[in-house]
Amino acid sequence: PVGTPIFAVTSCGDTLWVGGWQGIEAYDLRRQVWLAPPAGRHKIGGRIYRLRADRSALWVATEDGVYKYDLHGQRWRHFGVRDGLVGSRVYDILLDGDYVWFGTNRGLTRFYWNNPYRAD
């Protein structure tokens, strides 16, 4: 992503995550290589405001909801107002154990992401 605007950076373990106009890029710090899709080079619909990562997922706050990358299943999922967000523009994310908090343009949403009955 050299030469393009970068709006958010986070890391967890050996992976550095970068979000900008080109979408999400992932860099393996140990091997010093950029990762290929699905982790890296993922296009996001809209501006990225914040990235948060833990050992199981990457969360991406955007002007069009939230994108979650499941590190173990290696798949992306989009969450929006239909999924329970109170606003579609998500500015910040707080990882809080089994919950994720989303700061949106219409207020705060708490999401029980580690629900054993979830099938996403």
Protein backbone atom coordinates (compact mmCIF):
# COMPACT_ATOMS: atom_id res chain seq x y z
CA PRO A 1 0.00 0.00 0.00
CA VAL A 2 2.92 2.40 -0.54
CA GLY A 3 1.83 5.71 -2.03
CA THR A 4 -1.86 5.36 -1.05
CA PRO A 5 -3.67 6.95 1.90
CA ILE A 6 -3.83 4.69 4.98
CA PHE A 7 -6.58 5.35 7.55
CA ALA A 8 -6.17 2.55 10.08
CA VAL A 9 -3.48 0.15 11.30
CA THR A 10 -3.58 -2.62 13.90
CA SER A 11 -1.70 -5.80 14.70
CA CYS A 12 -2.19 -9.06 16.52
CA GLY A 13 0.43 -11.76 16.82
CA ASP A 14 2.56 -11.85 13.69
CA THR A 15 0.05 -10.05 11.45
CA LEU A 16 -0.08 -6.33 10.71
CA TRP A 17 -3.37 -5.11 9.23
CA VAL A 18 -3.55 -1.93 7.12
CA GLY A 19 -6.74 -0.23 5.90
CA GLY A 20 -6.85 2.42 3.18
CA TRP A 21 -8.48 3.42 -0.11
CA GLN A 22 -7.37 0.13 -1.68
CA GLY A 23 -9.07 -1.93 1.05
CA ILE A 24 -7.41 -4.23 3.59
CA GLU A 25 -3.84 -5.45 3.33
CA ALA A 26 -2.23 -7.98 5.68
CA TYR A 27 1.49 -8.29 6.35
CA ASP A 28 3.20 -11.26 8.00
CA LEU A 29 5.76 -9.65 10.33
CA ARG A 30 7.65 -12.89 10.97
CA ARG A 31 8.11 -13.90 7.32
CA GLN A 32 8.12 -10.26 6.11
CA VAL A 33 5.70 -10.85 3.22
CA TRP A 34 2.33 -9.37 2.20
CA LEU A 35 -0.47 -11.94 2.46
CA ALA A 36 -2.63 -12.89 -0.49
CA PRO A 37 -6.45 -13.02 -0.45
CA PRO A 38 -8.66 -13.73 1.34
CA ALA A 39 -6.78 -12.07 4.25
CA GLY A 40 -4.96 -9.44 2.23
CA ARG A 41 -6.04 -7.27 -0.70
CA HIS A 42 -9.70 -7.35 0.34
CA LYS A 43 -11.81 -4.52 -1.11
CA ILE A 44 -14.10 -2.72 1.33
CA GLY A 45 -17.14 -0.71 0.26
CA GLY A 46 -16.42 2.77 1.61
CA ARG A 47 -13.94 4.54 3.82
CA ILE A 48 -12.27 2.64 6.63
CA TYR A 49 -12.25 4.35 10.04
CA ARG A 50 -10.80 1.78 12.44
CA LEU A 51 -9.30 -1.72 12.59
CA ARG A 52 -9.26 -4.02 15.63
CA ALA A 53 -7.81 -7.52 15.75
CA ASP A 54 -7.55 -10.38 18.19
CA ARG A 55 -6.49 -14.01 17.78
CA SER A 56 -9.75 -15.03 16.08
CA ALA A 57 -10.92 -12.07 13.99
CA LEU A 58 -10.22 -8.74 12.36
CA TRP A 59 -12.98 -6.13 12.72
CA VAL A 60 -13.17 -3.23 10.23
CA ALA A 61 -15.23 -0.10 10.99
CA THR A 62 -16.39 1.61 7.78
CA GLU A 63 -18.86 4.13 6.47
CA ASP A 64 -20.90 1.13 5.34
CA GLY A 65 -21.11 -0.95 8.51
CA VAL A 66 -18.61 -3.46 9.86
CA TYR A 67 -16.61 -6.16 8.12
CA LYS A 68 -15.36 -9.14 10.10
CA TYR A 69 -12.61 -11.43 8.87
CA ASP A 70 -12.69 -14.84 10.57
CA LEU A 71 -9.02 -15.83 10.80
CA HIS A 72 -9.74 -19.53 11.34
CA GLY A 73 -12.46 -19.89 8.69
CA GLN A 74 -10.67 -17.45 6.35
CA ARG A 75 -13.85 -15.67 5.29
CA TRP A 76 -15.27 -12.15 5.36
CA ARG A 77 -18.73 -11.17 6.63
CA HIS A 78 -20.45 -7.78 6.46
CA PHE A 79 -22.71 -6.47 9.26
CA GLY A 80 -25.08 -3.54 8.85
CA VAL A 81 -28.26 -2.03 10.22
CA ARG A 82 -30.22 -5.15 9.25
CA ASP A 83 -27.92 -7.15 11.52
CA GLY A 84 -28.54 -4.91 14.54
CA LEU A 85 -26.20 -1.93 14.19
CA VAL A 86 -28.01 1.26 15.20
CA GLY A 87 -26.17 3.26 12.54
CA SER A 88 -24.51 2.36 9.26
CA ARG A 89 -21.43 4.56 9.71
CA VAL A 90 -19.15 2.89 12.26
CA TYR A 91 -16.33 5.05 13.63
CA ASP A 92 -14.83 2.93 16.39
CA ILE A 93 -14.65 -0.61 17.75
CA LEU A 94 -13.87 -1.93 21.23
CA LEU A 95 -13.19 -5.65 21.74
CA ASP A 96 -14.54 -6.63 25.16
CA GLY A 97 -14.31 -10.38 25.75
CA ASP A 98 -17.34 -12.07 24.19
CA TYR A 99 -18.71 -8.67 23.13
CA VAL A 100 -17.76 -6.05 20.57
CA TRP A 101 -18.84 -2.41 20.98
CA PHE A 102 -19.44 -0.30 17.87
CA GLY A 103 -19.53 3.50 17.97
CA THR A 104 -21.81 4.57 15.12
CA ASN A 105 -23.27 7.79 13.73
CA ARG A 106 -26.53 6.97 15.56
CA GLY A 107 -25.22 5.69 18.87
CA LEU A 108 -23.59 2.70 20.48
CA THR A 109 -24.19 -0.97 19.65
CA ARG A 110 -23.07 -3.92 21.77
CA PHE A 111 -22.75 -7.16 19.84
CA TYR A 112 -22.47 -10.62 21.44
CA TRP A 113 -20.14 -11.98 18.79
CA ASN A 114 -18.98 -15.11 20.64
CA ASN A 115 -22.47 -16.57 20.92
CA PRO A 116 -22.12 -20.39 20.59
CA TYR A 117 -25.32 -20.47 18.49
CA ARG A 118 -23.97 -18.08 15.81
CA ALA A 119 -23.42 -19.73 12.46
CA ASP A 120 -21.57 -17.06 10.51
